[in-house]
Amino acid sequence: MSTGADSGDWPLSVYAPDCRHCPRLTAHLEAVRARYPGYHCGPVPPFGDPQARLLLVGLAPGEHGANATGRPFTGDYAGILLYETLHHFGLSSAPVSHGPGDGLELHDCRISNSVKCLPPQNKPTSAEVATCSEYLIAELEAFPPQVILALGRVGHDAALSALGLVRSRWPFAHAAVHRPEGVPALVDSYHCSRYNTQTGRLTPEMFREAFRQALALID
């Protein structure tokens, strides 16, 4: 199955467009909306195939990226390498994501975030990650993947928490493969942020290697 649906028909347990559980994030979104009235400025839904065997879990929407467009990793620098890589492996119909209505489809792949709303300075608090975990838990229960690819340590920790796993047993490391019993396998990657890619901490080949590790675990 492939899909280009952005909001889709996600159950409210997975995506609640009117969620206001986190006061700090709600206030921040209101302030950003006042500056940029055309922005999405709300919880960003998962994007891709509900029945996908591969789930990518990122950090949170960027102010001028997903927070603006309403699609994960779309509109700012962080999505450039991601969608190029998805296309390289045949997981995306195009190498560039412009936003809802561009016709882009993901194949056997879905993108979600640890925190659905834009946090100040792109840094959610641990309490905000924990609060938003209810949606990731519901997503994993309703649409279980075979493999989760965590984009960054926050995504890694959020995935572990949603799976009910203890962090100390499954430490984060780029291209690490974790295979807990009874739950989806977890593969780690450094986040595809501008800082990581421009400093060389994450190269395109390193990113592709993490994807190869994840795809090798899919039946």
N, C-alpha and C. Protein backbone atom coordinates (compact mmCIF):
# COMPACT_ATOMS: atom_id res chain seq x y z
N MET A 1 0.84 -1.20 0.00
CA MET A 1 0.00 0.00 0.00
C MET A 1 0.87 1.24 0.00
N SER A 2 0.43 2.28 -0.71
CA SER A 2 1.13 3.56 -0.66
C SER A 2 0.10 4.64 -0.42
N THR A 3 0.57 5.75 0.10
CA THR A 3 -0.38 6.83 0.38
C THR A 3 0.32 8.17 0.35
N GLY A 4 -0.43 9.18 -0.07
CA GLY A 4 0.06 10.54 0.01
C GLY A 4 -0.78 11.35 0.97
N ALA A 5 -1.68 10.67 1.69
CA ALA A 5 -2.56 11.38 2.60
C ALA A 5 -1.78 11.95 3.77
N ASP A 6 -2.01 13.23 4.08
CA ASP A 6 -1.30 13.86 5.19
C ASP A 6 -2.10 13.76 6.48
N SER A 7 -3.32 14.27 6.51
CA SER A 7 -4.12 14.15 7.72
C SER A 7 -4.78 12.78 7.79
N GLY A 8 -5.14 12.24 6.62
CA GLY A 8 -5.69 10.90 6.56
C GLY A 8 -6.92 10.74 7.44
N ASP A 9 -7.17 9.51 7.82
CA ASP A 9 -8.29 9.20 8.69
C ASP A 9 -7.77 8.61 9.99
N TRP A 10 -6.74 9.21 10.54
CA TRP A 10 -6.17 8.70 11.78
C TRP A 10 -7.18 8.80 12.91
N PRO A 11 -7.30 7.76 13.73
CA PRO A 11 -8.18 7.87 14.90
C PRO A 11 -7.66 8.93 15.86
N LEU A 12 -8.55 9.50 16.65
CA LEU A 12 -8.16 10.56 17.57
C LEU A 12 -7.13 10.10 18.59
N SER A 13 -7.09 8.81 18.86
CA SER A 13 -6.08 8.31 19.78
C SER A 13 -4.67 8.43 19.21
N VAL A 14 -4.58 8.48 17.87
CA VAL A 14 -3.28 8.57 17.19
C VAL A 14 -2.95 10.01 16.84
N TYR A 15 -3.95 10.75 16.39
CA TYR A 15 -3.74 12.14 16.00
C TYR A 15 -4.95 12.98 16.37
N ALA A 16 -4.75 13.86 17.33
CA ALA A 16 -5.81 14.75 17.79
C ALA A 16 -5.47 16.17 17.37
N PRO A 17 -6.06 16.66 16.29
CA PRO A 17 -5.68 17.99 15.77
C PRO A 17 -5.92 19.13 16.74
N ASP A 18 -6.80 18.94 17.70
CA ASP A 18 -7.11 20.00 18.67
C ASP A 18 -6.45 19.76 20.03
N CYS A 19 -5.46 18.88 20.09
CA CYS A 19 -4.80 18.59 21.36
C CYS A 19 -4.16 19.85 21.94
N ARG A 20 -4.40 20.09 23.22
CA ARG A 20 -3.82 21.22 23.93
C ARG A 20 -3.33 20.77 25.31
N HIS A 21 -2.78 19.57 25.39
CA HIS A 21 -2.39 19.00 26.67
C HIS A 21 -1.19 19.71 27.31
N CYS A 22 -0.35 20.33 26.50
CA CYS A 22 0.89 20.92 27.01
C CYS A 22 0.79 22.46 26.99
N PRO A 23 0.62 23.10 28.13
CA PRO A 23 0.42 24.56 28.16
C PRO A 23 1.54 25.35 27.50
N ARG A 24 2.80 24.95 27.72
CA ARG A 24 3.91 25.69 27.13
C ARG A 24 3.88 25.60 25.61
N LEU A 25 3.61 24.42 25.08
CA LEU A 25 3.56 24.26 23.62
C LEU A 25 2.37 24.99 23.03
N THR A 26 1.23 24.95 23.72
CA THR A 26 0.05 25.66 23.25
C THR A 26 0.30 27.16 23.17
N ALA A 27 0.94 27.72 24.19
CA ALA A 27 1.24 29.16 24.19
C ALA A 27 2.22 29.51 23.09
N HIS A 28 3.20 28.63 22.89
CA HIS A 28 4.19 28.88 21.84
C HIS A 28 3.55 28.84 20.45
N LEU A 29 2.68 27.89 20.22
CA LEU A 29 2.00 27.82 18.93
C LEU A 29 1.15 29.06 18.67
N GLU A 30 0.50 29.56 19.69
CA GLU A 30 -0.31 30.76 19.52
C GLU A 30 0.55 31.96 19.16
N ALA A 31 1.73 32.05 19.79
CA ALA A 31 2.64 33.15 19.48
C ALA A 31 3.18 33.05 18.05
N VAL A 32 3.51 31.83 17.62
CA VAL A 32 4.01 31.64 16.26
C VAL A 32 2.91 31.90 15.25
N ARG A 33 1.70 31.47 15.56
CA ARG A 33 0.57 31.71 14.65
C ARG A 33 0.31 33.20 14.47
N ALA A 34 0.52 33.98 15.51
CA ALA A 34 0.33 35.43 15.39
C ALA A 34 1.34 36.04 14.42
N ARG A 35 2.55 35.48 14.40
CA ARG A 35 3.60 35.98 13.49
C ARG A 35 3.42 35.43 12.07
N TYR A 36 2.93 34.19 11.99
CA TYR A 36 2.81 33.53 10.69
C TYR A 36 1.40 32.93 10.56
N PRO A 37 0.41 33.75 10.27
CA PRO A 37 -0.99 33.28 10.28
C PRO A 37 -1.28 32.21 9.25
N GLY A 38 -0.42 32.06 8.24
CA GLY A 38 -0.64 31.05 7.22
C GLY A 38 -0.05 29.69 7.56
N TYR A 39 0.64 29.60 8.69
CA TYR A 39 1.28 28.34 9.08
C TYR A 39 0.26 27.35 9.65
N HIS A 40 0.61 26.09 9.60
CA HIS A 40 -0.22 25.03 10.18
C HIS A 40 -0.43 25.25 11.67
N CYS A 41 0.66 25.45 12.40
CA CYS A 41 0.64 25.81 13.82
C CYS A 41 -0.33 24.95 14.65
N GLY A 42 -0.13 23.67 14.60
CA GLY A 42 -0.92 22.74 15.39
C GLY A 42 -0.23 21.39 15.41
N PRO A 43 -0.80 20.42 16.08
CA PRO A 43 -0.22 19.08 16.05
C PRO A 43 -0.07 18.60 14.60
N VAL A 44 1.05 17.99 14.31
CA VAL A 44 1.33 17.50 12.95
C VAL A 44 1.06 16.00 12.91
N PRO A 45 0.22 15.55 11.98
CA PRO A 45 -0.13 14.13 11.93
C PRO A 45 0.99 13.28 11.36
N PRO A 46 0.94 11.97 11.58
CA PRO A 46 1.85 11.08 10.86
C PRO A 46 1.61 11.22 9.36
N PHE A 47 2.62 10.86 8.58
CA PHE A 47 2.48 10.92 7.12
C PHE A 47 2.95 9.60 6.53
N GLY A 48 2.11 9.01 5.69
CA GLY A 48 2.51 7.80 5.00
C GLY A 48 1.48 6.69 5.13
N ASP A 49 1.95 5.49 4.91
CA ASP A 49 1.12 4.30 4.84
C ASP A 49 0.74 3.81 6.24
N PRO A 50 -0.54 3.79 6.58
CA PRO A 50 -0.93 3.29 7.91
C PRO A 50 -0.48 1.86 8.15
N GLN A 51 -0.40 1.05 7.09
CA GLN A 51 0.00 -0.35 7.23
C GLN A 51 1.48 -0.56 6.93
N ALA A 52 2.26 0.49 6.96
CA ALA A 52 3.69 0.40 6.64
C ALA A 52 4.42 -0.53 7.59
N ARG A 53 5.40 -1.24 7.04
CA ARG A 53 6.24 -2.09 7.88
C ARG A 53 7.40 -1.31 8.49
N LEU A 54 7.70 -0.14 7.94
CA LEU A 54 8.77 0.71 8.46
C LEU A 54 8.18 2.01 8.98
N LEU A 55 8.46 2.32 10.24
CA LEU A 55 8.03 3.57 10.86
C LEU A 55 9.25 4.38 11.25
N LEU A 56 9.31 5.63 10.80
CA LEU A 56 10.36 6.55 11.21
C LEU A 56 9.82 7.43 12.32
N VAL A 57 10.59 7.58 13.39
CA VAL A 57 10.18 8.42 14.51
C VAL A 57 11.20 9.53 14.68
N GLY A 58 10.76 10.77 14.46
CA GLY A 58 11.63 11.92 14.60
C GLY A 58 11.45 12.63 15.93
N LEU A 59 11.88 13.88 15.96
CA LEU A 59 11.85 14.67 17.20
C LEU A 59 10.54 15.44 17.32
N ALA A 60 10.42 16.53 16.56
CA ALA A 60 9.25 17.41 16.65
C ALA A 60 9.22 18.28 15.40
N PRO A 61 8.09 18.91 15.10
CA PRO A 61 8.03 19.80 13.94
C PRO A 61 8.99 20.98 14.08
N GLY A 62 9.61 21.36 12.96
CA GLY A 62 10.41 22.58 12.94
C GLY A 62 9.53 23.79 12.70
N GLU A 63 9.95 24.94 13.20
CA GLU A 63 9.10 26.13 13.12
C GLU A 63 8.72 26.47 11.69
N HIS A 64 9.70 26.44 10.77
CA HIS A 64 9.42 26.80 9.38
C HIS A 64 9.36 25.55 8.49
N GLY A 65 9.29 24.39 9.13
CA GLY A 65 9.17 23.13 8.41
C GLY A 65 7.79 22.55 8.60
N ALA A 66 7.72 21.44 9.34
CA ALA A 66 6.43 20.77 9.52
C ALA A 66 5.40 21.66 10.21
N ASN A 67 5.85 22.53 11.10
CA ASN A 67 4.90 23.44 11.75
C ASN A 67 4.26 24.39 10.74
N ALA A 68 4.97 24.66 9.65
CA ALA A 68 4.41 25.52 8.61
C ALA A 68 3.56 24.74 7.62
N THR A 69 4.06 23.56 7.21
CA THR A 69 3.40 22.82 6.14
C THR A 69 2.38 21.81 6.62
N GLY A 70 2.55 21.31 7.85
CA GLY A 70 1.66 20.29 8.36
C GLY A 70 2.06 18.88 7.98
N ARG A 71 3.26 18.70 7.43
CA ARG A 71 3.77 17.37 7.07
C ARG A 71 5.14 17.18 7.72
N PRO A 72 5.39 16.03 8.34
CA PRO A 72 6.68 15.81 9.00
C PRO A 72 7.87 16.00 8.06
N PHE A 73 8.89 16.69 8.56
CA PHE A 73 10.16 16.87 7.85
C PHE A 73 9.96 17.52 6.49
N THR A 74 9.08 18.48 6.41
CA THR A 74 8.78 19.14 5.14
C THR A 74 8.79 20.65 5.30
N GLY A 75 9.65 21.30 4.53
CA GLY A 75 9.69 22.76 4.52
C GLY A 75 10.95 23.34 5.09
N ASP A 76 11.80 22.52 5.73
CA ASP A 76 13.06 23.04 6.25
C ASP A 76 14.20 22.08 5.91
N TYR A 77 15.38 22.41 6.38
CA TYR A 77 16.58 21.70 5.97
C TYR A 77 16.56 20.23 6.36
N ALA A 78 15.99 19.90 7.50
CA ALA A 78 16.05 18.53 8.02
C ALA A 78 15.44 17.51 7.08
N GLY A 79 14.47 17.94 6.27
CA GLY A 79 13.80 16.99 5.39
C GLY A 79 14.51 16.73 4.09
N ILE A 80 15.52 17.53 3.75
CA ILE A 80 16.17 17.38 2.44
C ILE A 80 16.80 16.01 2.31
N LEU A 81 17.71 15.67 3.23
CA LEU A 81 18.38 14.38 3.16
C LEU A 81 17.39 13.24 3.37
N LEU A 82 16.40 13.44 4.25
CA LEU A 82 15.45 12.37 4.54
C LEU A 82 14.69 11.94 3.30
N TYR A 83 14.07 12.89 2.60
CA TYR A 83 13.26 12.50 1.45
C TYR A 83 14.12 12.04 0.27
N GLU A 84 15.33 12.58 0.14
CA GLU A 84 16.25 12.05 -0.88
C GLU A 84 16.56 10.58 -0.60
N THR A 85 16.76 10.26 0.67
CA THR A 85 17.10 8.89 1.05
C THR A 85 15.90 7.97 0.90
N LEU A 86 14.73 8.44 1.30
CA LEU A 86 13.52 7.64 1.10
C LEU A 86 13.33 7.31 -0.38
N HIS A 87 13.55 8.28 -1.24
CA HIS A 87 13.40 8.06 -2.68
C HIS A 87 14.47 7.10 -3.19
N HIS A 88 15.68 7.21 -2.67
CA HIS A 88 16.79 6.34 -3.07
C HIS A 88 16.42 4.87 -2.84
N PHE A 89 15.72 4.59 -1.74
CA PHE A 89 15.35 3.21 -1.42
C PHE A 89 13.96 2.82 -1.92
N GLY A 90 13.35 3.67 -2.72
CA GLY A 90 12.04 3.35 -3.27
C GLY A 90 10.91 3.50 -2.30
N LEU A 91 11.14 4.22 -1.21
CA LEU A 91 10.12 4.41 -0.19
C LEU A 91 9.29 5.66 -0.41
N SER A 92 9.73 6.53 -1.31
CA SER A 92 9.02 7.77 -1.61
C SER A 92 8.92 7.93 -3.12
N SER A 93 7.80 8.47 -3.57
CA SER A 93 7.59 8.64 -5.01
C SER A 93 8.38 9.79 -5.59
N ALA A 94 8.95 10.65 -4.75
CA ALA A 94 9.73 11.79 -5.22
C ALA A 94 10.82 12.09 -4.20
N PRO A 95 11.91 12.73 -4.64
CA PRO A 95 13.01 13.02 -3.72
C PRO A 95 12.84 14.30 -2.93
N VAL A 96 11.78 15.05 -3.20
CA VAL A 96 11.54 16.31 -2.51
C VAL A 96 10.10 16.35 -2.03
N SER A 97 9.91 16.77 -0.79
CA SER A 97 8.58 16.94 -0.22
C SER A 97 8.28 18.43 -0.10
N HIS A 98 7.22 18.87 -0.78
CA HIS A 98 6.85 20.29 -0.74
C HIS A 98 5.74 20.57 0.27
N GLY A 99 4.85 19.60 0.46
CA GLY A 99 3.75 19.79 1.40
C GLY A 99 2.48 19.15 0.88
N PRO A 100 1.43 19.17 1.69
CA PRO A 100 0.16 18.58 1.27
C PRO A 100 -0.29 19.10 -0.09
N GLY A 101 -0.76 18.17 -0.91
CA GLY A 101 -1.22 18.54 -2.24
C GLY A 101 -0.17 18.38 -3.32
N ASP A 102 1.07 17.99 -2.95
CA ASP A 102 2.12 17.88 -3.96
C ASP A 102 2.13 16.51 -4.64
N GLY A 103 1.26 15.59 -4.21
CA GLY A 103 1.17 14.29 -4.84
C GLY A 103 2.18 13.27 -4.36
N LEU A 104 3.05 13.65 -3.47
CA LEU A 104 4.07 12.73 -2.99
C LEU A 104 3.43 11.58 -2.21
N GLU A 105 3.92 10.36 -2.44
CA GLU A 105 3.44 9.19 -1.73
C GLU A 105 4.61 8.44 -1.10
N LEU A 106 4.36 7.85 0.05
CA LEU A 106 5.32 6.97 0.68
C LEU A 106 4.87 5.53 0.49
N HIS A 107 5.84 4.64 0.29
CA HIS A 107 5.55 3.24 0.02
C HIS A 107 6.08 2.38 1.17
N ASP A 108 5.17 1.71 1.86
CA ASP A 108 5.53 0.81 2.96
C ASP A 108 6.35 1.53 4.02
N CYS A 109 6.07 2.80 4.20
CA CYS A 109 6.84 3.64 5.12
C CYS A 109 5.92 4.71 5.70
N ARG A 110 6.18 5.08 6.94
CA ARG A 110 5.40 6.14 7.59
C ARG A 110 6.33 6.96 8.47
N ILE A 111 6.05 8.25 8.58
CA ILE A 111 6.87 9.16 9.40
C ILE A 111 6.00 9.74 10.50
N SER A 112 6.50 9.68 11.71
CA SER A 112 5.80 10.26 12.85
C SER A 112 6.83 11.00 13.70
N ASN A 113 6.35 11.70 14.71
CA ASN A 113 7.26 12.44 15.60
C ASN A 113 7.01 12.11 17.06
N SER A 114 8.05 12.25 17.86
CA SER A 114 7.94 12.02 19.30
C SER A 114 7.00 13.04 19.94
N VAL A 115 7.10 14.28 19.46
CA VAL A 115 6.25 15.37 19.93
C VAL A 115 5.56 15.96 18.71
N LYS A 116 4.26 16.07 18.74
CA LYS A 116 3.49 16.47 17.56
C LYS A 116 3.45 17.97 17.35
N CYS A 117 3.79 18.77 18.38
CA CYS A 117 3.71 20.22 18.28
C CYS A 117 5.10 20.85 18.35
N LEU A 118 5.22 22.00 17.75
CA LEU A 118 6.47 22.76 17.75
C LEU A 118 6.86 23.17 19.17
N PRO A 119 8.05 22.77 19.64
CA PRO A 119 8.52 23.24 20.95
C PRO A 119 9.43 24.46 20.79
N PRO A 120 9.49 25.33 21.77
CA PRO A 120 10.43 26.46 21.70
C PRO A 120 11.86 25.95 21.52
N GLN A 121 12.59 26.59 20.60
CA GLN A 121 13.98 26.24 20.32
C GLN A 121 14.15 24.77 19.94
N ASN A 122 13.06 24.16 19.47
CA ASN A 122 13.07 22.76 19.04
C ASN A 122 13.50 21.81 20.16
N LYS A 123 13.21 22.20 21.40
CA LYS A 123 13.62 21.39 22.55
C LYS A 123 12.42 21.12 23.45
N PRO A 124 11.75 19.99 23.24
CA PRO A 124 10.65 19.65 24.14
C PRO A 124 11.18 19.24 25.51
N THR A 125 10.41 19.45 26.53
CA THR A 125 10.79 18.98 27.85
C THR A 125 10.49 17.49 27.95
N SER A 126 11.08 16.85 28.95
CA SER A 126 10.82 15.42 29.15
C SER A 126 9.34 15.19 29.46
N ALA A 127 8.72 16.14 30.16
CA ALA A 127 7.30 16.01 30.48
C ALA A 127 6.46 16.10 29.21
N GLU A 128 6.83 16.95 28.26
CA GLU A 128 6.09 17.08 27.00
C GLU A 128 6.24 15.83 26.15
N VAL A 129 7.44 15.26 26.12
CA VAL A 129 7.64 14.00 25.40
C VAL A 129 6.78 12.91 26.02
N ALA A 130 6.77 12.86 27.35
CA ALA A 130 5.98 11.84 28.05
C ALA A 130 4.49 12.02 27.78
N THR A 131 4.02 13.27 27.78
CA THR A 131 2.60 13.54 27.53
C THR A 131 2.21 13.13 26.12
N CYS A 132 3.07 13.45 25.17
CA CYS A 132 2.74 13.14 23.77
C CYS A 132 2.91 11.66 23.45
N SER A 133 3.55 10.93 24.34
CA SER A 133 3.79 9.51 24.08
C SER A 133 2.48 8.73 23.95
N GLU A 134 1.40 9.26 24.51
CA GLU A 134 0.13 8.54 24.39
C GLU A 134 -0.26 8.34 22.93
N TYR A 135 0.10 9.32 22.07
CA TYR A 135 -0.24 9.21 20.66
C TYR A 135 0.66 8.21 19.94
N LEU A 136 1.94 8.19 20.30
CA LEU A 136 2.84 7.21 19.69
C LEU A 136 2.48 5.80 20.14
N ILE A 137 2.14 5.65 21.40
CA ILE A 137 1.71 4.34 21.91
C ILE A 137 0.48 3.86 21.14
N ALA A 138 -0.49 4.75 20.98
CA ALA A 138 -1.72 4.40 20.25
C ALA A 138 -1.42 4.06 18.80
N GLU A 139 -0.48 4.80 18.19
CA GLU A 139 -0.11 4.54 16.80
C GLU A 139 0.51 3.16 16.65
N LEU A 140 1.40 2.82 17.58
CA LEU A 140 2.05 1.51 17.51
C LEU A 140 1.05 0.38 17.75
N GLU A 141 0.05 0.63 18.57
CA GLU A 141 -0.96 -0.40 18.83
C GLU A 141 -1.92 -0.55 17.65
N ALA A 142 -2.32 0.56 17.07
CA ALA A 142 -3.30 0.51 15.98
C ALA A 142 -2.66 0.15 14.65
N PHE A 143 -1.44 0.61 14.43
CA PHE A 143 -0.75 0.40 13.15
C PHE A 143 0.67 -0.10 13.41
N PRO A 144 0.82 -1.32 13.91
CA PRO A 144 2.15 -1.81 14.31
C PRO A 144 3.08 -2.03 13.12
N PRO A 145 4.27 -1.46 13.15
CA PRO A 145 5.26 -1.72 12.10
C PRO A 145 6.09 -2.95 12.46
N GLN A 146 6.89 -3.38 11.52
CA GLN A 146 7.87 -4.42 11.83
C GLN A 146 9.14 -3.82 12.40
N VAL A 147 9.48 -2.63 11.89
CA VAL A 147 10.74 -1.99 12.27
C VAL A 147 10.50 -0.50 12.51
N ILE A 148 11.14 0.02 13.54
CA ILE A 148 11.13 1.46 13.81
C ILE A 148 12.54 1.98 13.57
N LEU A 149 12.66 3.04 12.79
CA LEU A 149 13.93 3.73 12.60
C LEU A 149 13.84 5.05 13.36
N ALA A 150 14.61 5.16 14.44
CA ALA A 150 14.59 6.36 15.27
C ALA A 150 15.57 7.38 14.73
N LEU A 151 15.08 8.58 14.46
CA LEU A 151 15.92 9.66 13.95
C LEU A 151 16.32 10.55 15.12
N GLY A 152 17.45 10.21 15.75
CA GLY A 152 17.94 10.97 16.89
C GLY A 152 17.63 10.30 18.20
N ARG A 153 18.32 10.78 19.24
CA ARG A 153 18.19 10.17 20.56
C ARG A 153 16.79 10.36 21.14
N VAL A 154 16.18 11.53 20.91
CA VAL A 154 14.83 11.73 21.44
C VAL A 154 13.86 10.74 20.82
N GLY A 155 13.96 10.54 19.51
CA GLY A 155 13.13 9.55 18.85
C GLY A 155 13.38 8.15 19.38
N HIS A 156 14.64 7.83 19.61
CA HIS A 156 15.02 6.54 20.19
C HIS A 156 14.38 6.34 21.56
N ASP A 157 14.55 7.33 22.43
CA ASP A 157 14.00 7.22 23.78
C ASP A 157 12.47 7.15 23.77
N ALA A 158 11.86 7.95 22.88
CA ALA A 158 10.40 7.95 22.80
C ALA A 158 9.88 6.60 22.32
N ALA A 159 10.58 6.02 21.34
CA ALA A 159 10.17 4.71 20.84
C ALA A 159 10.30 3.65 21.93
N LEU A 160 11.40 3.68 22.67
CA LEU A 160 11.58 2.72 23.75
C LEU A 160 10.47 2.85 24.79
N SER A 161 10.16 4.08 25.17
CA SER A 161 9.10 4.30 26.15
C SER A 161 7.76 3.81 25.64
N ALA A 162 7.47 4.09 24.37
CA ALA A 162 6.20 3.66 23.80
C ALA A 162 6.11 2.14 23.71
N LEU A 163 7.25 1.48 23.57
CA LEU A 163 7.29 0.03 23.50
C LEU A 163 7.36 -0.62 24.88
N GLY A 164 7.47 0.22 25.92
CA GLY A 164 7.55 -0.29 27.27
C GLY A 164 8.89 -0.89 27.63
N LEU A 165 9.96 -0.38 27.00
CA LEU A 165 11.30 -0.91 27.21
C LEU A 165 12.14 0.02 28.07
N VAL A 166 13.09 -0.54 28.79
CA VAL A 166 13.98 0.23 29.66
C VAL A 166 15.14 0.79 28.84
N ARG A 167 15.36 2.09 28.91
CA ARG A 167 16.38 2.73 28.08
C ARG A 167 17.78 2.16 28.29
N SER A 168 18.12 1.87 29.54
CA SER A 168 19.48 1.44 29.84
C SER A 168 19.85 0.13 29.15
N ARG A 169 18.87 -0.66 28.79
CA ARG A 169 19.16 -1.94 28.14
C ARG A 169 19.37 -1.80 26.64
N TRP A 170 18.95 -0.66 26.08
CA TRP A 170 19.00 -0.48 24.63
C TRP A 170 19.59 0.90 24.33
N PRO A 171 20.91 1.08 24.49
CA PRO A 171 21.53 2.39 24.34
C PRO A 171 21.53 2.88 22.89
N PHE A 172 21.40 4.18 22.75
CA PHE A 172 21.40 4.80 21.42
C PHE A 172 22.80 4.81 20.82
N ALA A 173 22.90 4.46 19.55
CA ALA A 173 24.14 4.58 18.79
C ALA A 173 23.78 4.55 17.32
N HIS A 174 24.45 5.35 16.52
CA HIS A 174 24.11 5.41 15.10
C HIS A 174 24.25 4.04 14.44
N ALA A 175 23.21 3.67 13.70
CA ALA A 175 23.13 2.40 12.97
C ALA A 175 23.06 1.18 13.89
N ALA A 176 22.83 1.41 15.18
CA ALA A 176 22.65 0.28 16.10
C ALA A 176 21.33 -0.41 15.81
N VAL A 177 21.33 -1.72 15.98
CA VAL A 177 20.14 -2.53 15.77
C VAL A 177 19.74 -3.16 17.09
N HIS A 178 18.50 -2.94 17.48
CA HIS A 178 17.97 -3.49 18.73
C HIS A 178 16.80 -4.41 18.38
N ARG A 179 16.82 -5.61 18.93
CA ARG A 179 15.78 -6.58 18.59
C ARG A 179 15.13 -7.14 19.86
N PRO A 180 14.39 -6.31 20.58
CA PRO A 180 13.69 -6.81 21.78
C PRO A 180 12.64 -7.85 21.38
N GLU A 181 12.39 -8.75 22.25
CA GLU A 181 11.42 -9.81 21.96
C GLU A 181 9.99 -9.29 22.08
N GLY A 182 9.19 -9.64 21.10
CA GLY A 182 7.76 -9.36 21.17
C GLY A 182 7.33 -7.98 20.72
N VAL A 183 8.25 -7.15 20.28
CA VAL A 183 7.92 -5.79 19.82
C VAL A 183 8.70 -5.52 18.53
N PRO A 184 8.37 -4.44 17.80
CA PRO A 184 9.12 -4.14 16.59
C PRO A 184 10.61 -3.94 16.88
N ALA A 185 11.43 -4.31 15.91
CA ALA A 185 12.86 -4.04 16.00
C ALA A 185 13.08 -2.52 15.94
N LEU A 186 14.17 -2.08 16.53
CA LEU A 186 14.48 -0.65 16.57
C LEU A 186 15.88 -0.42 16.03
N VAL A 187 16.01 0.49 15.08
CA VAL A 187 17.30 0.88 14.51
C VAL A 187 17.49 2.37 14.75
N ASP A 188 18.71 2.76 15.06
CA ASP A 188 19.00 4.16 15.39
C ASP A 188 19.74 4.87 14.26
N SER A 189 19.49 6.15 14.14
CA SER A 189 20.29 7.02 13.28
C SER A 189 20.45 8.38 13.95
N TYR A 190 21.59 9.00 13.71
CA TYR A 190 21.68 10.41 14.08
C TYR A 190 20.59 11.17 13.35
N HIS A 191 20.09 12.22 13.96
CA HIS A 191 19.04 13.03 13.34
C HIS A 191 19.61 13.75 12.12
N CYS A 192 18.78 13.86 11.08
CA CYS A 192 19.22 14.50 9.83
C CYS A 192 19.06 16.02 9.90
N SER A 193 19.50 16.61 10.98
CA SER A 193 19.42 18.05 11.17
C SER A 193 20.53 18.76 10.38
N ARG A 194 20.36 20.05 10.20
CA ARG A 194 21.39 20.84 9.52
C ARG A 194 22.72 20.75 10.26
N TYR A 195 22.67 20.83 11.60
CA TYR A 195 23.91 20.78 12.38
C TYR A 195 24.65 19.46 12.13
N ASN A 196 23.94 18.35 12.19
CA ASN A 196 24.60 17.06 12.03
C ASN A 196 25.15 16.84 10.63
N THR A 197 24.40 17.28 9.62
CA THR A 197 24.87 17.05 8.25
C THR A 197 25.98 18.02 7.85
N GLN A 198 25.90 19.26 8.31
CA GLN A 198 26.93 20.23 7.91
C GLN A 198 28.23 20.06 8.68
N THR A 199 28.18 19.48 9.85
CA THR A 199 29.41 19.22 10.60
C THR A 199 30.02 17.86 10.24
N GLY A 200 29.32 17.07 9.44
CA GLY A 200 29.83 15.77 9.06
C GLY A 200 29.55 14.67 10.06
N ARG A 201 28.85 15.01 11.12
CA ARG A 201 28.49 13.95 12.08
C ARG A 201 27.61 12.91 11.42
N LEU A 202 26.77 13.36 10.49
CA LEU A 202 25.95 12.44 9.71
C LEU A 202 26.16 12.73 8.23
N THR A 203 26.70 11.76 7.51
CA THR A 203 26.89 11.89 6.07
C THR A 203 25.76 11.15 5.36
N PRO A 204 25.53 11.45 4.07
CA PRO A 204 24.50 10.70 3.34
C PRO A 204 24.73 9.19 3.37
N GLU A 205 25.97 8.75 3.27
CA GLU A 205 26.24 7.32 3.31
C GLU A 205 25.93 6.73 4.68
N MET A 206 26.26 7.45 5.74
CA MET A 206 25.92 6.97 7.09
C MET A 206 24.40 6.84 7.25
N PHE A 207 23.67 7.80 6.69
CA PHE A 207 22.22 7.77 6.79
C PHE A 207 21.66 6.58 6.01
N ARG A 208 22.20 6.36 4.82
CA ARG A 208 21.76 5.22 4.02
C ARG A 208 22.06 3.90 4.73
N GLU A 209 23.19 3.84 5.44
CA GLU A 209 23.53 2.62 6.15
C GLU A 209 22.49 2.30 7.23
N ALA A 210 22.03 3.33 7.95
CA ALA A 210 20.98 3.10 8.95
C ALA A 210 19.71 2.57 8.29
N PHE A 211 19.37 3.12 7.12
CA PHE A 211 18.20 2.62 6.39
C PHE A 211 18.42 1.19 5.93
N ARG A 212 19.61 0.87 5.46
CA ARG A 212 19.88 -0.50 5.05
C ARG A 212 19.71 -1.47 6.22
N GLN A 213 20.17 -1.05 7.38
CA GLN A 213 20.01 -1.90 8.57
C GLN A 213 18.54 -2.13 8.88
N ALA A 214 17.74 -1.07 8.77
CA ALA A 214 16.31 -1.19 9.05
C ALA A 214 15.60 -2.05 8.02
N LEU A 215 15.89 -1.81 6.75
CA LEU A 215 15.19 -2.53 5.70
C LEU A 215 15.56 -4.01 5.68
N ALA A 216 16.76 -4.33 6.14
CA ALA A 216 17.18 -5.73 6.18
C ALA A 216 16.37 -6.55 7.19
N LEU A 217 15.72 -5.87 8.13
CA LEU A 217 14.95 -6.56 9.15
C LEU A 217 13.49 -6.79 8.75
N ILE A 218 13.08 -6.22 7.61
CA ILE A 218 11.70 -6.35 7.17
C ILE A 218 11.54 -7.65 6.38
N ASP A 219 10.50 -8.40 6.70
CA ASP A 219 10.23 -9.66 6.01
C ASP A 219 9.93 -9.40 4.54
